[in-house]
C-alpha atoms as a PDB file:
ATOM      1  CA  UNK A   1      37.477  53.387 -57.069  1.00  0.00           C
ATOM      2  CA  UNK A   2      35.191  56.114 -57.735  1.00  0.00           C
ATOM      3  CA  UNK A   3      34.743  57.359 -61.195  1.00  0.00           C
ATOM      4  CA  UNK A   4      33.074  60.238 -62.863  1.00  0.00           C
ATOM      5  CA  UNK A   5      31.230  60.013 -66.332  1.00  0.00           C
ATOM      6  CA  UNK A   6      30.531  63.248 -68.619  1.00  0.00           C
ATOM      7  CA  UNK A   7      28.641  62.589 -71.678  1.00  0.00           C
ATOM      8  CA  UNK A   8      27.284  65.450 -74.220  1.00  0.00           C
ATOM      9  CA  UNK A   9      25.581  64.497 -77.423  1.00  0.00           C
ATOM     10  CA  UNK A  10      24.435  67.591 -79.573  1.00  0.00           C
ATOM     11  CA  UNK A  11      22.008  67.473 -82.856  1.00  0.00           C
ATOM     12  CA  UNK A  12      22.473  70.820 -84.884  1.00  0.00           C
ATOM     13  CA  UNK A  13      20.036  71.282 -87.227  1.00  0.00           C
ATOM     14  CA  UNK A  14      20.362  73.429 -90.371  1.00  0.00           C
ATOM     15  CA  UNK A  15      17.144  74.642 -89.855  1.00  0.00           C
ATOM     16  CA  UNK A  16      14.286  74.386 -87.230  1.00  0.00           C
ATOM     17  CA  UNK A  17      12.614  70.893 -87.170  1.00  0.00           C
ATOM     18  CA  UNK A  18      10.216  68.997 -85.357  1.00  0.00           C
ATOM     19  CA  UNK A  19      11.522  66.266 -83.350  1.00  0.00           C
ATOM     20  CA  UNK A  20       9.510  62.732 -83.192  1.00  0.00           C
ATOM     21  CA  UNK A  21       9.785  60.445 -80.324  1.00  0.00           C
ATOM     22  CA  UNK A  22      13.063  59.849 -79.361  1.00  0.00           C
ATOM     23  CA  UNK A  23      14.795  56.932 -77.303  1.00  0.00           C
ATOM     24  CA  UNK A  24      17.813  57.355 -75.100  1.00  0.00           C
ATOM     25  CA  UNK A  25      19.915  54.581 -74.560  1.00  0.00           C
ATOM     26  CA  UNK A  26      21.986  56.627 -72.358  1.00  0.00           C
ATOM     27  CA  UNK A  27      21.263  54.804 -69.072  1.00  0.00           C
ATOM     28  CA  UNK A  28      23.735  52.226 -67.799  1.00  0.00           C
ATOM     29  CA  UNK A  29      22.618  48.568 -67.785  1.00  0.00           C
ATOM     30  CA  UNK A  30      22.813  46.672 -64.475  1.00  0.00           C
ATOM     31  CA  UNK A  31      26.340  44.804 -63.800  1.00  0.00           C
ATOM     32  CA  UNK A  32      26.856  43.504 -60.069  1.00  0.00           C
ATOM     33  CA  UNK A  33      30.518  45.113 -60.451  1.00  0.00           C
ATOM     34  CA  UNK A  34      29.587  49.126 -60.088  1.00  0.00           C
ATOM     35  CA  UNK A  35      27.052  50.762 -58.073  1.00  0.00           C
ATOM     36  CA  UNK A  36      25.874  54.287 -59.571  1.00  0.00           C
ATOM     37  CA  UNK A  37      26.435  56.658 -56.587  1.00  0.00           C
ATOM     38  CA  UNK A  38      25.285  60.053 -58.406  1.00  0.00           C
ATOM     39  CA  UNK A  39      23.502  60.807 -61.613  1.00  0.00           C
ATOM     40  CA  UNK A  40      21.837  63.370 -63.355  1.00  0.00           C
ATOM     41  CA  UNK A  41      20.753  64.180 -67.259  1.00  0.00           C
ATOM     42  CA  UNK A  42      19.401  67.394 -68.878  1.00  0.00           C
ATOM     43  CA  UNK A  43      17.732  67.574 -72.303  1.00  0.00           C
ATOM     44  CA  UNK A  44      17.419  70.681 -74.349  1.00  0.00           C
ATOM     45  CA  UNK A  45      14.835  71.528 -75.198  1.00  0.00           C
ATOM     46  CA  UNK A  46      12.705  70.584 -72.623  1.00  0.00           C
ATOM     47  CA  UNK A  47      10.835  67.239 -73.419  1.00  0.00           C
ATOM     48  CA  UNK A  48       6.599  67.937 -72.989  1.00  0.00           C
ATOM     49  CA  UNK A  49       6.843  64.091 -71.533  1.00  0.00           C
ATOM     50  CA  UNK A  50       8.950  61.216 -71.012  1.00  0.00           C
ATOM     51  CA  UNK A  51       8.915  57.694 -69.439  1.00  0.00           C
ATOM     52  CA  UNK A  52      11.275  54.668 -68.864  1.00  0.00           C
ATOM     53  CA  UNK A  53      10.887  52.062 -70.797  1.00  0.00           C
ATOM     54  CA  UNK A  54      12.235  48.141 -71.242  1.00  0.00           C
ATOM     55  CA  UNK A  55      13.344  46.618 -74.770  1.00  0.00           C
ATOM     56  CA  UNK A  56      12.629  43.290 -75.761  1.00  0.00           C
ATOM     57  CA  UNK A  57      16.216  42.224 -74.789  1.00  0.00           C
ATOM     58  CA  UNK A  58      15.962  43.806 -71.491  1.00  0.00           C
ATOM     59  CA  UNK A  59      17.876  47.476 -72.073  1.00  0.00           C
ATOM     60  CA  UNK A  60      16.695  49.911 -70.037  1.00  0.00           C
ATOM     61  CA  UNK A  61      16.151  53.234 -72.123  1.00  0.00           C
ATOM     62  CA  UNK A  62      14.387  56.941 -71.861  1.00  0.00           C
ATOM     63  CA  UNK A  63      11.750  57.650 -74.169  1.00  0.00           C
ATOM     64  CA  UNK A  64      10.929  61.382 -74.731  1.00  0.00           C
ATOM     65  CA  UNK A  65       8.812  63.625 -76.727  1.00  0.00           C
ATOM     66  CA  UNK A  66       8.573  67.241 -77.903  1.00  0.00           C
ATOM     67  CA  UNK A  67       6.590  70.381 -78.972  1.00  0.00           C
ATOM     68  CA  UNK A  68       7.352  72.860 -81.236  1.00  0.00           C
ATOM     69  CA  UNK A  69       9.885  73.619 -83.728  1.00  0.00           C
ATOM     70  CA  UNK A  70      13.996  73.291 -82.638  1.00  0.00           C
ATOM     71  CA  UNK A  71      17.422  74.235 -84.131  1.00  0.00           C
ATOM     72  CA  UNK A  72      19.366  71.556 -81.913  1.00  0.00           C
ATOM     73  CA  UNK A  73      18.941  69.075 -79.498  1.00  0.00           C
ATOM     74  CA  UNK A  74      21.385  68.539 -76.603  1.00  0.00           C
ATOM     75  CA  UNK A  75      21.558  65.830 -73.821  1.00  0.00           C
ATOM     76  CA  UNK A  76      24.000  66.303 -71.037  1.00  0.00           C
ATOM     77  CA  UNK A  77      24.474  63.165 -68.683  1.00  0.00           C
ATOM     78  CA  UNK A  78      26.480  63.082 -65.565  1.00  0.00           C
ATOM     79  CA  UNK A  79      27.318  59.488 -63.837  1.00  0.00           C
ATOM     80  CA  UNK A  80      29.518  58.487 -60.707  1.00  0.00           C
ATOM     81  CA  UNK A  81      30.073  54.747 -60.601  1.00  0.00           C
ATOM     82  CA  UNK A  82      31.635  52.912 -57.868  1.00  0.00           C
ATOM     83  CA  UNK A  83      33.391  50.176 -59.344  1.00  0.00           C
ATOM     84  CA  UNK A  84      34.461  47.001 -57.344  1.00  0.00           C
ATOM     85  CA  UNK A  85      36.861  44.176 -58.340  1.00  0.00           C
ATOM     86  CA  UNK A  86      35.875  41.875 -60.882  1.00  0.00           C
ATOM     87  CA  UNK A  87      37.275  38.711 -62.314  1.00  0.00           C
ATOM     88  CA  UNK A  88      36.217  38.496 -65.948  1.00  0.00           C
ATOM     89  CA  UNK A  89      37.761  34.880 -66.023  1.00  0.00           C
ATOM     90  CA  UNK A  90      35.607  33.681 -62.879  1.00  0.00           C
ATOM     91  CA  UNK A  91      33.203  31.405 -64.220  1.00  0.00           C
ATOM     92  CA  UNK A  92      33.050  27.504 -65.783  1.00  0.00           C
ATOM     93  CA  UNK A  93      31.856  26.258 -69.099  1.00  0.00           C
ATOM     94  CA  UNK A  94      29.571  23.522 -69.215  1.00  0.00           C
ATOM     95  CA  UNK A  95      31.932  20.549 -70.176  1.00  0.00           C
ATOM     96  CA  UNK A  96      29.531  18.968 -72.822  1.00  0.00           C
ATOM     97  CA  UNK A  97      29.436  22.248 -74.760  1.00  0.00           C
ATOM     98  CA  UNK A  98      33.128  22.949 -74.822  1.00  0.00           C
ATOM     99  CA  UNK A  99      33.259  19.119 -76.250  1.00  0.00           C
ATOM    100  CA  UNK A 100      30.516  19.575 -78.545  1.00  0.00           C
ATOM    101  CA  UNK A 101      32.609  22.862 -79.449  1.00  0.00           C
ATOM    102  CA  UNK A 102      35.729  21.233 -80.581  1.00  0.00           C
ATOM    103  CA  UNK A 103      33.945  18.394 -82.105  1.00  0.00           C
ATOM    104  CA  UNK A 104      33.026  21.246 -84.606  1.00  0.00           C
ATOM    105  CA  UNK A 105      29.168  20.741 -83.920  1.00  0.00           C
ATOM    106  CA  UNK A 106      27.388  24.100 -85.069  1.00  0.00           C
ATOM    107  CA  UNK A 107      24.348  22.922 -83.101  1.00  0.00           C
ATOM    108  CA  UNK A 108      25.915  24.097 -79.879  1.00  0.00           C
ATOM    109  CA  UNK A 109      22.647  25.585 -77.808  1.00  0.00           C
ATOM    110  CA  UNK A 110      20.050  23.016 -76.886  1.00  0.00           C
ATOM    111  CA  UNK A 111      16.960  24.698 -75.009  1.00  0.00           C
ATOM    112  CA  UNK A 112      18.189  28.160 -75.910  1.00  0.00           C
ATOM    113  CA  UNK A 113      18.495  27.703 -79.578  1.00  0.00           C
ATOM    114  CA  UNK A 114      15.201  29.311 -80.812  1.00  0.00           C
ATOM    115  CA  UNK A 115      15.855  32.283 -78.331  1.00  0.00           C
ATOM    116  CA  UNK A 116      19.447  32.720 -79.582  1.00  0.00           C
ATOM    117  CA  UNK A 117      18.860  32.443 -83.265  1.00  0.00           C
ATOM    118  CA  UNK A 118      18.647  36.262 -84.133  1.00  0.00           C
ATOM    119  CA  UNK A 119      22.821  36.138 -82.614  1.00  0.00           C
ATOM    120  CA  UNK A 120      23.732  33.358 -84.542  1.00  0.00           C
ATOM    121  CA  UNK A 121      23.133  35.480 -87.715  1.00  0.00           C
ATOM    122  CA  UNK A 122      25.706  37.252 -89.942  1.00  0.00           C
ATOM    123  CA  UNK A 123      28.200  34.580 -90.276  1.00  0.00           C
ATOM    124  CA  UNK A 124      31.754  35.335 -91.705  1.00  0.00           C
ATOM    125  CA  UNK A 125      32.286  32.601 -94.119  1.00  0.00           C
ATOM    126  CA  UNK A 126      35.885  34.116 -95.369  1.00  0.00           C
ATOM    127  CA  UNK A 127      37.229  33.905 -91.851  1.00  0.00           C
ATOM    128  CA  UNK A 128      36.751  30.128 -91.793  1.00  0.00           C
ATOM    129  CA  UNK A 129      40.411  29.020 -92.346  1.00  0.00           C
ATOM    130  CA  UNK A 130      41.578  31.793 -89.814  1.00  0.00           C
ATOM    131  CA  UNK A 131      39.240  30.283 -87.130  1.00  0.00           C
ATOM    132  CA  UNK A 132      40.141  27.001 -87.971  1.00  0.00           C
ATOM    133  CA  UNK A 133      43.998  27.840 -87.331  1.00  0.00           C
ATOM    134  CA  UNK A 134      43.083  29.256 -84.012  1.00  0.00           C
ATOM    135  CA  UNK A 135      41.108  26.315 -82.914  1.00  0.00           C
ATOM    136  CA  UNK A 136      43.639  24.303 -83.746  1.00  0.00           C
ATOM    137  CA  UNK A 137      46.254  25.743 -81.520  1.00  0.00           C
ATOM    138  CA  UNK A 138      43.784  26.380 -78.610  1.00  0.00           C
ATOM    139  CA  UNK A 139      44.024  23.873 -75.472  1.00  0.00           C
ATOM    140  CA  UNK A 140      40.160  24.746 -74.857  1.00  0.00           C
ATOM    141  CA  UNK A 141      37.070  27.397 -75.235  1.00  0.00           C
ATOM    142  CA  UNK A 142      38.334  30.134 -73.312  1.00  0.00           C
ATOM    143  CA  UNK A 143      41.987  30.082 -74.951  1.00  0.00           C
ATOM    144  CA  UNK A 144      40.340  29.956 -78.259  1.00  0.00           C
ATOM    145  CA  UNK A 145      38.609  32.962 -76.889  1.00  0.00           C
ATOM    146  CA  UNK A 146      41.348  34.712 -75.620  1.00  0.00           C
ATOM    147  CA  UNK A 147      43.709  33.965 -78.553  1.00  0.00           C
ATOM    148  CA  UNK A 148      41.372  35.175 -81.183  1.00  0.00           C
ATOM    149  CA  UNK A 149      40.651  38.415 -79.250  1.00  0.00           C
ATOM    150  CA  UNK A 150      44.171  39.034 -79.013  1.00  0.00           C
ATOM    151  CA  UNK A 151      44.839  37.994 -82.512  1.00  0.00           C
ATOM    152  CA  UNK A 152      42.579  40.642 -83.783  1.00  0.00           C
ATOM    153  CA  UNK A 153      43.948  43.094 -81.519  1.00  0.00           C
ATOM    154  CA  UNK A 154      47.512  42.282 -82.434  1.00  0.00           C
ATOM    155  CA  UNK A 155      46.717  42.037 -86.539  1.00  0.00           C
ATOM    156  CA  UNK A 156      43.980  44.731 -87.157  1.00  0.00           C
ATOM    157  CA  UNK A 157      44.773  48.247 -86.561  1.00  0.00           C
ATOM    158  CA  UNK A 158      42.322  49.737 -84.228  1.00  0.00           C
ATOM    159  CA  UNK A 159      41.247  53.409 -85.826  1.00  0.00           C
ATOM    160  CA  UNK A 160      39.422  55.910 -84.920  1.00  0.00           C
ATOM    161  CA  UNK A 161      36.392  56.771 -87.092  1.00  0.00           C
ATOM    162  CA  UNK A 162      33.974  59.595 -86.555  1.00  0.00           C
ATOM    163  CA  UNK A 163      31.349  58.421 -89.576  1.00  0.00           C
ATOM    164  CA  UNK A 164      28.426  57.349 -87.881  1.00  0.00           C
ATOM    165  CA  UNK A 165      27.951  53.935 -89.847  1.00  0.00           C
ATOM    166  CA  UNK A 166      29.438  50.225 -89.065  1.00  0.00           C
ATOM    167  CA  UNK A 167      31.603  48.470 -91.682  1.00  0.00           C
ATOM    168  CA  UNK A 168      30.680  44.883 -92.872  1.00  0.00           C
ATOM    169  CA  UNK A 169      32.777  42.407 -90.929  1.00  0.00           C
ATOM    170  CA  UNK A 170      33.800  41.094 -94.354  1.00  0.00           C
ATOM    171  CA  UNK A 171      34.934  44.657 -95.279  1.00  0.00           C
ATOM    172  CA  UNK A 172      36.807  45.054 -91.690  1.00  0.00           C
ATOM    173  CA  UNK A 173      38.335  41.311 -92.270  1.00  0.00           C
ATOM    174  CA  UNK A 174      40.183  42.060 -95.492  1.00  0.00           C
ATOM    175  CA  UNK A 175      40.814  45.995 -94.761  1.00  0.00           C
ATOM    176  CA  UNK A 176      42.864  44.648 -91.696  1.00  0.00           C
ATOM    177  CA  UNK A 177      41.632  47.763 -89.613  1.00  0.00           C
ATOM    178  CA  UNK A 178      38.612  49.132 -88.236  1.00  0.00           C
ATOM    179  CA  UNK A 179      36.732  51.272 -85.376  1.00  0.00           C
ATOM    180  CA  UNK A 180      36.047  49.265 -82.031  1.00  0.00           C
ATOM    181  CA  UNK A 181      32.811  48.843 -83.578  1.00  0.00           C
ATOM    182  CA  UNK A 182      33.687  47.601 -86.594  1.00  0.00           C
ATOM    183  CA  UNK A 183      35.873  45.096 -84.723  1.00  0.00           C
ATOM    184  CA  UNK A 184      33.393  43.849 -82.576  1.00  0.00           C
ATOM    185  CA  UNK A 185      31.028  43.540 -85.256  1.00  0.00           C
ATOM    186  CA  UNK A 186      33.822  41.253 -87.154  1.00  0.00           C
ATOM    187  CA  UNK A 187      34.684  39.158 -84.192  1.00  0.00           C
ATOM    188  CA  UNK A 188      30.877  38.489 -83.586  1.00  0.00           C
ATOM    189  CA  UNK A 189      30.383  37.235 -86.964  1.00  0.00           C
ATOM    190  CA  UNK A 190      33.606  35.301 -86.678  1.00  0.00           C
ATOM    191  CA  UNK A 191      32.302  33.552 -83.448  1.00  0.00           C
ATOM    192  CA  UNK A 192      28.831  33.069 -85.157  1.00  0.00           C
ATOM    193  CA  UNK A 193      30.732  31.238 -87.863  1.00  0.00           C
ATOM    194  CA  UNK A 194      31.716  28.480 -85.612  1.00  0.00           C
ATOM    195  CA  UNK A 195      28.152  28.401 -83.677  1.00  0.00           C
ATOM    196  CA  UNK A 196      28.933  30.578 -80.854  1.00  0.00           C
ATOM    197  CA  UNK A 197      25.927  33.027 -80.050  1.00  0.00           C
ATOM    198  CA  UNK A 198      27.158  36.711 -79.739  1.00  0.00           C
ATOM    199  CA  UNK A 199      25.561  40.317 -79.093  1.00  0.00           C
ATOM    200  CA  UNK A 200      26.899  43.834 -79.475  1.00  0.00           C
ATOM    201  CA  UNK A 201      27.741  45.860 -76.601  1.00  0.00           C
ATOM    202  CA  UNK A 202      27.630  49.805 -76.553  1.00  0.00           C
ATOM    203  CA  UNK A 203      28.611  51.834 -73.366  1.00  0.00           C
ATOM    204  CA  UNK A 204      31.644  53.392 -71.779  1.00  0.00           C
ATOM    205  CA  UNK A 205      35.105  51.860 -70.941  1.00  0.00           C
ATOM    206  CA  UNK A 206      37.784  53.049 -68.461  1.00  0.00           C
ATOM    207  CA  UNK A 207      41.208  52.210 -68.823  1.00  0.00           C
ATOM    208  CA  UNK A 208      43.992  54.695 -67.222  1.00  0.00           C
ATOM    209  CA  UNK A 209      46.712  52.811 -69.045  1.00  0.00           C
ATOM    210  CA  UNK A 210      45.445  53.252 -72.644  1.00  0.00           C
ATOM    211  CA  UNK A 211      45.262  56.449 -75.115  1.00  0.00           C
ATOM    212  CA  UNK A 212      42.221  58.405 -75.594  1.00  0.00           C
ATOM    213  CA  UNK A 213      39.531  56.967 -77.967  1.00  0.00           C
ATOM    214  CA  UNK A 214      37.895  54.255 -75.827  1.00  0.00           C
ATOM    215  CA  UNK A 215      35.963  56.240 -73.355  1.00  0.00           C
ATOM    216  CA  UNK A 216      32.726  55.834 -75.845  1.00  0.00           C
ATOM    217  CA  UNK A 217      33.198  52.186 -76.722  1.00  0.00           C
ATOM    218  CA  UNK A 218      32.045  49.044 -78.303  1.00  0.00           C
ATOM    219  CA  UNK A 219      32.830  45.464 -77.123  1.00  0.00           C
ATOM    220  CA  UNK A 220      31.052  42.390 -77.929  1.00  0.00           C
ATOM    221  CA  UNK A 221      29.653  39.148 -75.836  1.00  0.00           C
ATOM    222  CA  UNK A 222      29.300  35.544 -76.330  1.00  0.00           C
ATOM    223  CA  UNK A 223      27.138  33.371 -74.732  1.00  0.00           C
ATOM    224  CA  UNK A 224      28.724  30.649 -73.071  1.00  0.00           C
ATOM    225  CA  UNK A 225      26.535  27.856 -70.984  1.00  0.00           C
ATOM    226  CA  UNK A 226      27.635  27.877 -67.393  1.00  0.00           C
ATOM    227  CA  UNK A 227      28.992  31.091 -67.464  1.00  0.00           C
ATOM    228  CA  UNK A 228      26.251  33.423 -69.344  1.00  0.00           C
ATOM    229  CA  UNK A 229      27.155  36.359 -71.576  1.00  0.00           C
ATOM    230  CA  UNK A 230      30.908  36.800 -71.220  1.00  0.00           C
ATOM    231  CA  UNK A 231      32.771  40.258 -72.577  1.00  0.00           C
ATOM    232  CA  UNK A 232      35.229  40.543 -75.258  1.00  0.00           C
ATOM    233  CA  UNK A 233      37.087  43.274 -76.411  1.00  0.00           C
ATOM    234  CA  UNK A 234      39.322  43.132 -79.622  1.00  0.00           C
ATOM    235  CA  UNK A 235      40.195  46.787 -79.832  1.00  0.00           C
ATOM    236  CA  UNK A 236      42.247  45.792 -76.668  1.00  0.00           C
ATOM    237  CA  UNK A 237      42.829  41.927 -77.135  1.00  0.00           C
ATOM    238  CA  UNK A 238      41.124  41.441 -73.575  1.00  0.00           C
ATOM    239  CA  UNK A 239      38.110  39.884 -71.841  1.00  0.00           C
ATOM    240  CA  UNK A 240      36.346  42.740 -70.283  1.00  0.00           C
ATOM    241  CA  UNK A 241      36.380  43.833 -66.691  1.00  0.00           C
ATOM    242  CA  UNK A 242      34.935  46.434 -64.040  1.00  0.00           C
ATOM    243  CA  UNK A 243      35.988  49.051 -66.550  1.00  0.00           C
ATOM    244  CA  UNK A 244      33.247  48.160 -68.941  1.00  0.00           C
ATOM    245  CA  UNK A 245      29.941  49.898 -68.431  1.00  0.00           C
ATOM    246  CA  UNK A 246      27.019  48.852 -71.371  1.00  0.00           C
ATOM    247  CA  UNK A 247      24.444  51.376 -72.110  1.00  0.00           C
ATOM    248  CA  UNK A 248      22.550  48.757 -74.733  1.00  0.00           C
ATOM    249  CA  UNK A 249      23.131  45.252 -75.865  1.00  0.00           C
ATOM    250  CA  UNK A 250      21.484  43.779 -78.806  1.00  0.00           C
ATOM    251  CA  UNK A 251      22.156  40.947 -81.420  1.00  0.00           C
ATOM    252  CA  UNK A 252      21.926  44.024 -84.326  1.00  0.00           C
ATOM    253  CA  UNK A 253      24.866  46.689 -83.530  1.00  0.00           C
ATOM    254  CA  UNK A 254      22.390  49.456 -84.969  1.00  0.00           C
ATOM    255  CA  UNK A 255      19.698  49.095 -82.530  1.00  0.00           C
ATOM    256  CA  UNK A 256      22.470  50.011 -79.714  1.00  0.00           C
ATOM    257  CA  UNK A 257      22.961  53.440 -80.755  1.00  0.00           C
ATOM    258  CA  UNK A 258      22.881  55.931 -77.659  1.00  0.00           C
ATOM    259  CA  UNK A 259      19.988  58.307 -79.381  1.00  0.00           C
ATOM    260  CA  UNK A 260      17.338  56.804 -81.610  1.00  0.00           C
ATOM    261  CA  UNK A 261      14.786  58.931 -83.178  1.00  0.00           C
ATOM    262  CA  UNK A 262      13.854  60.880 -85.983  1.00  0.00           C
ATOM    263  CA  UNK A 263      12.831  64.514 -87.264  1.00  0.00           C
ATOM    264  CA  UNK A 264      10.852  66.254 -89.681  1.00  0.00           C
ATOM    265  CA  UNK A 265      11.499  68.835 -91.920  1.00  0.00           C
ATOM    266  CA  UNK A 266      13.739  69.706 -94.729  1.00  0.00           C
ATOM    267  CA  UNK A 267      17.079  70.078 -92.869  1.00  0.00           C
ATOM    268  CA  UNK A 268      20.667  68.411 -92.428  1.00  0.00           C
ATOM    269  CA  UNK A 269      21.821  67.074 -88.929  1.00  0.00           C
ATOM    270  CA  UNK A 270      25.131  67.342 -87.550  1.00  0.00           C
ATOM    271  CA  UNK A 271      26.083  65.265 -84.457  1.00  0.00           C
ATOM    272  CA  UNK A 272      28.589  66.291 -81.821  1.00  0.00           C
ATOM    273  CA  UNK A 273      29.246  63.855 -78.928  1.00  0.00           C
ATOM    274  CA  UNK A 274      31.982  63.834 -76.365  1.00  0.00           C
ATOM    275  CA  UNK A 275      32.632  61.841 -73.311  1.00  0.00           C
ATOM    276  CA  UNK A 276      35.192  62.264 -70.546  1.00  0.00           C
ATOM    277  CA  UNK A 277      35.644  59.698 -67.803  1.00  0.00           C
ATOM    278  CA  UNK A 278      38.170  60.857 -64.458  1.00  0.00           C
ATOM    279  CA  UNK A 279      38.787  59.182 -61.386  1.00  0.00           C
ATOM    280  CA  UNK A 280      37.409  60.886 -58.074  1.00  0.00           C
ATOM    281  CA  UNK A 281      38.778  58.415 -55.395  1.00  0.00           C
ATOM    282  CA  UNK A 282      40.986  55.352 -55.733  1.00  0.00           C
END
């Protein structure tokens, strides 16, 4: 299947400002189930310089800088992706890891423990009882992840929020609702509470069978030895498939914002963003 993604981002300033160095996390990270057939990006005003960099966690991004004062910043990007079939359940988790998980051992990672420490912070202790009930009814680790992701989809209301903040996992847990980013952050904290390392994913999601509101999307990934990072989408109650195209992945959700930078001046800014995805050929 060939799809086209159009992504428009605009920052309007109440009066002219100077732009600091900006980082655009608007470039798809590598996945074996898609190929980029065509791409273009335009930035207004024209940057005085730019380059591509890789951050500490392996995300490629574009660094840009500007000269002079501006009243707006606009980024237009267009991508064509050729999607290949991908089975999200085609992996084998190390048996010893799964055994330790059901024994209640919180120190699940051995050689990776130091590297994964930031991916294990921000626990949600308020959900321990809820998680325990899910674990008791599960026949294995994958069944536990499947049931938990499905229950969040069923019991928490997915809403569209235009604010740029992310609710705390505790707030989302008790409100029983949240945007895709809120639900993803909550499930991250839930899984960290039982010793599983997680990271936040921001990017594009294409599913022709659901309503609008999932094109620019957020989900999470959990690290399972033997399988690597496995994607979960609590907004839809699914393991992620070939319709998920990450732009940035990080243990801190705030570090995955598509546009990161500052401006100098006494002005207010207004963000507008739009993403559209359509099928070019089946």
